[in-house]
Amino acid sequence: MKIIVIIFVVLILASLGSALFFLVTDHGHSKRTVRALALRVGLSFALFLMLMAGYYFGLIPGKLG
C-alpha cells in the first residue's frame, strides 16, 4: 500500500510539473495546461478514495490508544 501511495504522489507531482512547463512554454494559449491540471485533480481524488478504502478495509491501521 505504501508503494502505491508513493507512486501516486510522484505521478501527481509530475503532472503538476508538466502543467507548469506547458504554461510557461505555451504562454497559456493551449489546452495542455488544463489537461495536465485535470489529470492532477483526478489522480488526487483517486488517491484520496484509495486511502479511504484502505482504512475502511483495514489495510491502513487506525490510531491506537
PDB file of N, CA and C in Angstrom:
ATOM      1  N   MET A   1       0.828  -1.190   0.000  1.00  0.00           N
ATOM      2  CA  MET A   1       0.000   0.000   0.000  1.00  0.00           C
ATOM      3  C   MET A   1       0.876   1.258   0.000  1.00  0.00           C
ATOM      4  N   LYS A   2       1.978   1.197   0.751  1.00  0.00           N
ATOM      5  CA  LYS A   2       2.863   2.365   0.811  1.00  0.00           C
ATOM      6  C   LYS A   2       3.463   2.678  -0.558  1.00  0.00           C
ATOM      7  N   ILE A   3       3.837   1.648  -1.284  1.00  0.00           N
ATOM      8  CA  ILE A   3       4.442   1.843  -2.604  1.00  0.00           C
ATOM      9  C   ILE A   3       3.439   2.485  -3.556  1.00  0.00           C
ATOM     10  N   ILE A   4       2.185   2.055  -3.503  1.00  0.00           N
ATOM     11  CA  ILE A   4       1.154   2.617  -4.374  1.00  0.00           C
ATOM     12  C   ILE A   4       0.932   4.090  -4.065  1.00  0.00           C
ATOM     13  N   VAL A   5       0.911   4.434  -2.782  1.00  0.00           N
ATOM     14  CA  VAL A   5       0.729   5.836  -2.385  1.00  0.00           C
ATOM     15  C   VAL A   5       1.903   6.677  -2.880  1.00  0.00           C
ATOM     16  N   ILE A   6       3.108   6.170  -2.740  1.00  0.00           N
ATOM     17  CA  ILE A   6       4.293   6.910  -3.203  1.00  0.00           C
ATOM     18  C   ILE A   6       4.244   7.097  -4.716  1.00  0.00           C
ATOM     19  N   ILE A   7       3.831   6.069  -5.438  1.00  0.00           N
ATOM     20  CA  ILE A   7       3.708   6.177  -6.895  1.00  0.00           C
ATOM     21  C   ILE A   7       2.688   7.240  -7.269  1.00  0.00           C
ATOM     22  N   PHE A   8       1.545   7.256  -6.584  1.00  0.00           N
ATOM     23  CA  PHE A   8       0.525   8.261  -6.868  1.00  0.00           C
ATOM     24  C   PHE A   8       1.045   9.671  -6.592  1.00  0.00           C
ATOM     25  N   VAL A   9       1.770   9.849  -5.497  1.00  0.00           N
ATOM     26  CA  VAL A   9       2.309  11.179  -5.175  1.00  0.00           C
ATOM     27  C   VAL A   9       3.304  11.624  -6.241  1.00  0.00           C
ATOM     28  N   VAL A  10       4.144  10.714  -6.696  1.00  0.00           N
ATOM     29  CA  VAL A  10       5.115  11.049  -7.753  1.00  0.00           C
ATOM     30  C   VAL A  10       4.380  11.421  -9.042  1.00  0.00           C
ATOM     31  N   LEU A  11       3.331  10.669  -9.391  1.00  0.00           N
ATOM     32  CA  LEU A  11       2.549  10.990 -10.592  1.00  0.00           C
ATOM     33  C   LEU A  11       1.861  12.347 -10.470  1.00  0.00           C
ATOM     34  N   ILE A  12       1.348  12.656  -9.289  1.00  0.00           N
ATOM     35  CA  ILE A  12       0.698  13.947  -9.067  1.00  0.00           C
ATOM     36  C   ILE A  12       1.708  15.082  -9.232  1.00  0.00           C
ATOM     37  N   LEU A  13       2.892  14.914  -8.660  1.00  0.00           N
ATOM     38  CA  LEU A  13       3.922  15.951  -8.791  1.00  0.00           C
ATOM     39  C   LEU A  13       4.403  16.086 -10.234  1.00  0.00           C
ATOM     40  N   ALA A  14       4.499  14.967 -10.953  1.00  0.00           N
ATOM     41  CA  ALA A  14       4.907  15.021 -12.361  1.00  0.00           C
ATOM     42  C   ALA A  14       3.852  15.748 -13.195  1.00  0.00           C
ATOM     43  N   SER A  15       2.594  15.497 -12.910  1.00  0.00           N
ATOM     44  CA  SER A  15       1.529  16.181 -13.633  1.00  0.00           C
ATOM     45  C   SER A  15       1.547  17.681 -13.340  1.00  0.00           C
ATOM     46  N   LEU A  16       1.796  18.030 -12.092  1.00  0.00           N
ATOM     47  CA  LEU A  16       1.877  19.446 -11.727  1.00  0.00           C
ATOM     48  C   LEU A  16       3.065  20.113 -12.412  1.00  0.00           C
ATOM     49  N   GLY A  17       4.191  19.414 -12.477  1.00  0.00           N
ATOM     50  CA  GLY A  17       5.369  19.955 -13.165  1.00  0.00           C
ATOM     51  C   GLY A  17       5.141  20.114 -14.658  1.00  0.00           C
ATOM     52  N   SER A  18       4.460  19.148 -15.264  1.00  0.00           N
ATOM     53  CA  SER A  18       4.193  19.270 -16.698  1.00  0.00           C
ATOM     54  C   SER A  18       3.218  20.408 -16.975  1.00  0.00           C
ATOM     55  N   ALA A  19       2.272  20.632 -16.070  1.00  0.00           N
ATOM     56  CA  ALA A  19       1.356  21.759 -16.245  1.00  0.00           C
ATOM     57  C   ALA A  19       2.112  23.082 -16.189  1.00  0.00           C
ATOM     58  N   LEU A  20       3.060  23.183 -15.267  1.00  0.00           N
ATOM     59  CA  LEU A  20       3.877  24.394 -15.190  1.00  0.00           C
ATOM     60  C   LEU A  20       4.709  24.570 -16.449  1.00  0.00           C
ATOM     61  N   PHE A  21       5.284  23.485 -16.948  1.00  0.00           N
ATOM     62  CA  PHE A  21       6.074  23.551 -18.179  1.00  0.00           C
ATOM     63  C   PHE A  21       5.220  24.009 -19.356  1.00  0.00           C
ATOM     64  N   PHE A  22       4.011  23.430 -19.492  1.00  0.00           N
ATOM     65  CA  PHE A  22       3.120  23.822 -20.589  1.00  0.00           C
ATOM     66  C   PHE A  22       2.668  25.271 -20.448  1.00  0.00           C
ATOM     67  N   LEU A  23       2.450  25.722 -19.226  1.00  0.00           N
ATOM     68  CA  LEU A  23       2.035  27.107 -19.006  1.00  0.00           C
ATOM     69  C   LEU A  23       3.123  28.080 -19.437  1.00  0.00           C
ATOM     70  N   VAL A  24       4.366  27.738 -19.131  1.00  0.00           N
ATOM     71  CA  VAL A  24       5.480  28.628 -19.465  1.00  0.00           C
ATOM     72  C   VAL A  24       5.784  28.587 -20.963  1.00  0.00           C
ATOM     73  N   THR A  25       5.799  27.405 -21.557  1.00  0.00           N
ATOM     74  CA  THR A  25       6.184  27.304 -22.968  1.00  0.00           C
ATOM     75  C   THR A  25       5.079  27.741 -23.922  1.00  0.00           C
ATOM     76  N   ASP A  26       3.820  27.473 -23.574  1.00  0.00           N
ATOM     77  CA  ASP A  26       2.714  27.819 -24.474  1.00  0.00           C
ATOM     78  C   ASP A  26       2.117  29.191 -24.193  1.00  0.00           C
ATOM     79  N   HIS A  27       2.580  29.843 -23.138  1.00  0.00           N
ATOM     80  CA  HIS A  27       2.079  31.161 -22.749  1.00  0.00           C
ATOM     81  C   HIS A  27       0.569  31.156 -22.550  1.00  0.00           C
ATOM     82  N   GLY A  28       0.020  30.044 -22.112  1.00  0.00           N
ATOM     83  CA  GLY A  28      -1.399  29.953 -21.798  1.00  0.00           C
ATOM     84  C   GLY A  28      -2.317  29.880 -23.001  1.00  0.00           C
ATOM     85  N   HIS A  29      -1.783  29.574 -24.195  1.00  0.00           N
ATOM     86  CA  HIS A  29      -2.601  29.555 -25.413  1.00  0.00           C
ATOM     87  C   HIS A  29      -3.014  28.152 -25.850  1.00  0.00           C
ATOM     88  N   SER A  30      -2.729  27.137 -25.052  1.00  0.00           N
ATOM     89  CA  SER A  30      -3.149  25.790 -25.424  1.00  0.00           C
ATOM     90  C   SER A  30      -3.892  25.144 -24.257  1.00  0.00           C
ATOM     91  N   LYS A  31      -4.507  24.013 -24.542  1.00  0.00           N
ATOM     92  CA  LYS A  31      -5.283  23.328 -23.512  1.00  0.00           C
ATOM     93  C   LYS A  31      -4.470  22.262 -22.794  1.00  0.00           C
ATOM     94  N   ARG A  32      -3.187  22.172 -23.106  1.00  0.00           N
ATOM     95  CA  ARG A  32      -2.360  21.154 -22.463  1.00  0.00           C
ATOM     96  C   ARG A  32      -2.221  21.412 -20.965  1.00  0.00           C
ATOM     97  N   THR A  33      -2.167  22.679 -20.559  1.00  0.00           N
ATOM     98  CA  THR A  33      -2.079  23.006 -19.143  1.00  0.00           C
ATOM     99  C   THR A  33      -3.328  22.549 -18.409  1.00  0.00           C
ATOM    100  N   VAL A  34      -4.482  22.810 -19.007  1.00  0.00           N
ATOM    101  CA  VAL A  34      -5.750  22.426 -18.385  1.00  0.00           C
ATOM    102  C   VAL A  34      -5.842  20.907 -18.268  1.00  0.00           C
ATOM    103  N   ARG A  35      -5.424  20.197 -19.297  1.00  0.00           N
ATOM    104  CA  ARG A  35      -5.461  18.727 -19.253  1.00  0.00           C
ATOM    105  C   ARG A  35      -4.534  18.182 -18.166  1.00  0.00           C
ATOM    106  N   ALA A  36      -3.354  18.757 -18.044  1.00  0.00           N
ATOM    107  CA  ALA A  36      -2.412  18.296 -17.028  1.00  0.00           C
ATOM    108  C   ALA A  36      -2.943  18.565 -15.625  1.00  0.00           C
ATOM    109  N   LEU A  37      -3.565  19.711 -15.422  1.00  0.00           N
ATOM    110  CA  LEU A  37      -4.133  20.017 -14.113  1.00  0.00           C
ATOM    111  C   LEU A  37      -5.357  19.158 -13.823  1.00  0.00           C
ATOM    112  N   ALA A  38      -6.147  18.868 -14.845  1.00  0.00           N
ATOM    113  CA  ALA A  38      -7.299  17.978 -14.657  1.00  0.00           C
ATOM    114  C   ALA A  38      -6.824  16.572 -14.294  1.00  0.00           C
ATOM    115  N   LEU A  39      -5.750  16.125 -14.912  1.00  0.00           N
ATOM    116  CA  LEU A  39      -5.179  14.824 -14.573  1.00  0.00           C
ATOM    117  C   LEU A  39      -4.697  14.817 -13.131  1.00  0.00           C
ATOM    118  N   ARG A  40      -4.088  15.911 -12.688  1.00  0.00           N
ATOM    119  CA  ARG A  40      -3.623  16.015 -11.307  1.00  0.00           C
ATOM    120  C   ARG A  40      -4.780  15.921 -10.331  1.00  0.00           C
ATOM    121  N   VAL A  41      -5.870  16.611 -10.642  1.00  0.00           N
ATOM    122  CA  VAL A  41      -7.044  16.564  -9.768  1.00  0.00           C
ATOM    123  C   VAL A  41      -7.619  15.149  -9.733  1.00  0.00           C
ATOM    124  N   GLY A  42      -7.677  14.489 -10.884  1.00  0.00           N
ATOM    125  CA  GLY A  42      -8.183  13.121 -10.934  1.00  0.00           C
ATOM    126  C   GLY A  42      -7.315  12.160 -10.141  1.00  0.00           C
ATOM    127  N   LEU A  43      -5.999  12.301 -10.265  1.00  0.00           N
ATOM    128  CA  LEU A  43      -5.087  11.450  -9.507  1.00  0.00           C
ATOM    129  C   LEU A  43      -5.202  11.703  -8.003  1.00  0.00           C
ATOM    130  N   SER A  44      -5.353  12.965  -7.623  1.00  0.00           N
ATOM    131  CA  SER A  44      -5.508  13.300  -6.205  1.00  0.00           C
ATOM    132  C   SER A  44      -6.794  12.714  -5.648  1.00  0.00           C
ATOM    133  N   PHE A  45      -7.861  12.805  -6.406  1.00  0.00           N
ATOM    134  CA  PHE A  45      -9.145  12.250  -5.972  1.00  0.00           C
ATOM    135  C   PHE A  45      -9.061  10.730  -5.867  1.00  0.00           C
ATOM    136  N   ALA A  46      -8.417  10.093  -6.830  1.00  0.00           N
ATOM    137  CA  ALA A  46      -8.253   8.638  -6.788  1.00  0.00           C
ATOM    138  C   ALA A  46      -7.415   8.224  -5.580  1.00  0.00           C
ATOM    139  N   LEU A  47      -6.365   8.977  -5.278  1.00  0.00           N
ATOM    140  CA  LEU A  47      -5.543   8.682  -4.109  1.00  0.00           C
ATOM    141  C   LEU A  47      -6.348   8.824  -2.829  1.00  0.00           C
ATOM    142  N   PHE A  48      -7.153   9.859  -2.741  1.00  0.00           N
ATOM    143  CA  PHE A  48      -7.998  10.061  -1.569  1.00  0.00           C
ATOM    144  C   PHE A  48      -8.963   8.893  -1.385  1.00  0.00           C
ATOM    145  N   LEU A  49      -9.625   8.484  -2.473  1.00  0.00           N
ATOM    146  CA  LEU A  49     -10.559   7.367  -2.384  1.00  0.00           C
ATOM    147  C   LEU A  49      -9.840   6.072  -2.009  1.00  0.00           C
ATOM    148  N   MET A  50      -8.649   5.879  -2.556  1.00  0.00           N
ATOM    149  CA  MET A  50      -7.885   4.681  -2.246  1.00  0.00           C
ATOM    150  C   MET A  50      -7.480   4.659  -0.769  1.00  0.00           C
ATOM    151  N   LEU A  51      -7.076   5.794  -0.223  1.00  0.00           N
ATOM    152  CA  LEU A  51      -6.718   5.858   1.188  1.00  0.00           C
ATOM    153  C   LEU A  51      -7.927   5.612   2.083  1.00  0.00           C
ATOM    154  N   MET A  52      -9.072   6.174   1.705  1.00  0.00           N
ATOM    155  CA  MET A  52     -10.288   5.940   2.485  1.00  0.00           C
ATOM    156  C   MET A  52     -10.681   4.463   2.451  1.00  0.00           C
ATOM    157  N   ALA A  53     -10.604   3.840   1.279  1.00  0.00           N
ATOM    158  CA  ALA A  53     -10.938   2.422   1.154  1.00  0.00           C
ATOM    159  C   ALA A  53      -9.934   1.565   1.924  1.00  0.00           C
ATOM    160  N   GLY A  54      -8.673   1.913   1.880  1.00  0.00           N
ATOM    161  CA  GLY A  54      -7.657   1.173   2.617  1.00  0.00           C
ATOM    162  C   GLY A  54      -7.880   1.225   4.113  1.00  0.00           C
ATOM    163  N   TYR A  55      -8.294   2.373   4.607  1.00  0.00           N
ATOM    164  CA  TYR A  55      -8.608   2.493   6.035  1.00  0.00           C
ATOM    165  C   TYR A  55      -9.850   1.682   6.384  1.00  0.00           C
ATOM    166  N   TYR A  56     -10.854   1.763   5.526  1.00  0.00           N
ATOM    167  CA  TYR A  56     -12.116   1.053   5.772  1.00  0.00           C
ATOM    168  C   TYR A  56     -11.914  -0.458   5.798  1.00  0.00           C
ATOM    169  N   PHE A  57     -11.118  -0.976   4.883  1.00  0.00           N
ATOM    170  CA  PHE A  57     -10.897  -2.417   4.799  1.00  0.00           C
ATOM    171  C   PHE A  57      -9.760  -2.909   5.694  1.00  0.00           C
ATOM    172  N   GLY A  58      -9.162  -2.022   6.456  1.00  0.00           N
ATOM    173  CA  GLY A  58      -8.142  -2.426   7.413  1.00  0.00           C
ATOM    174  C   GLY A  58      -6.732  -2.533   6.877  1.00  0.00           C
ATOM    175  N   LEU A  59      -6.508  -2.087   5.645  1.00  0.00           N
ATOM    176  CA  LEU A  59      -5.152  -2.115   5.095  1.00  0.00           C
ATOM    177  C   LEU A  59      -4.281  -1.033   5.700  1.00  0.00           C
ATOM    178  N   ILE A  60      -4.919   0.029   6.203  1.00  0.00           N
ATOM    179  CA  ILE A  60      -4.226   1.119   6.875  1.00  0.00           C
ATOM    180  C   ILE A  60      -4.716   1.111   8.318  1.00  0.00           C
ATOM    181  N   PRO A  61      -3.841   0.820   9.285  1.00  0.00           N
ATOM    182  CA  PRO A  61      -4.306   0.741  10.671  1.00  0.00           C
ATOM    183  C   PRO A  61      -4.658   2.109  11.223  1.00  0.00           C
ATOM    184  N   GLY A  62      -5.621   2.130  12.123  1.00  0.00           N
ATOM    185  CA  GLY A  62      -6.019   3.373  12.777  1.00  0.00           C
ATOM    186  C   GLY A  62      -5.084   3.702  13.925  1.00  0.00           C
ATOM    187  N   LYS A  63      -5.369   4.810  14.598  1.00  0.00           N
ATOM    188  CA  LYS A  63      -4.567   5.240  15.722  1.00  0.00           C
ATOM    189  C   LYS A  63      -4.868   4.347  16.932  1.00  0.00           C
ATOM    190  N   LEU A  64      -3.828   3.862  17.566  1.00  0.00           N
ATOM    191  CA  LEU A  64      -4.002   3.009  18.726  1.00  0.00           C
ATOM    192  C   LEU A  64      -3.936   3.828  20.014  1.00  0.00           C
ATOM    193  N   GLY A  65      -4.726   3.449  20.976  1.00  0.00           N
ATOM    194  CA  GLY A  65      -4.675   4.066  22.295  1.00  0.00           C
ATOM    195  C   GLY A  65      -5.526   5.212  22.367  1.00  0.00           C
TER     196      GLY A  65
END
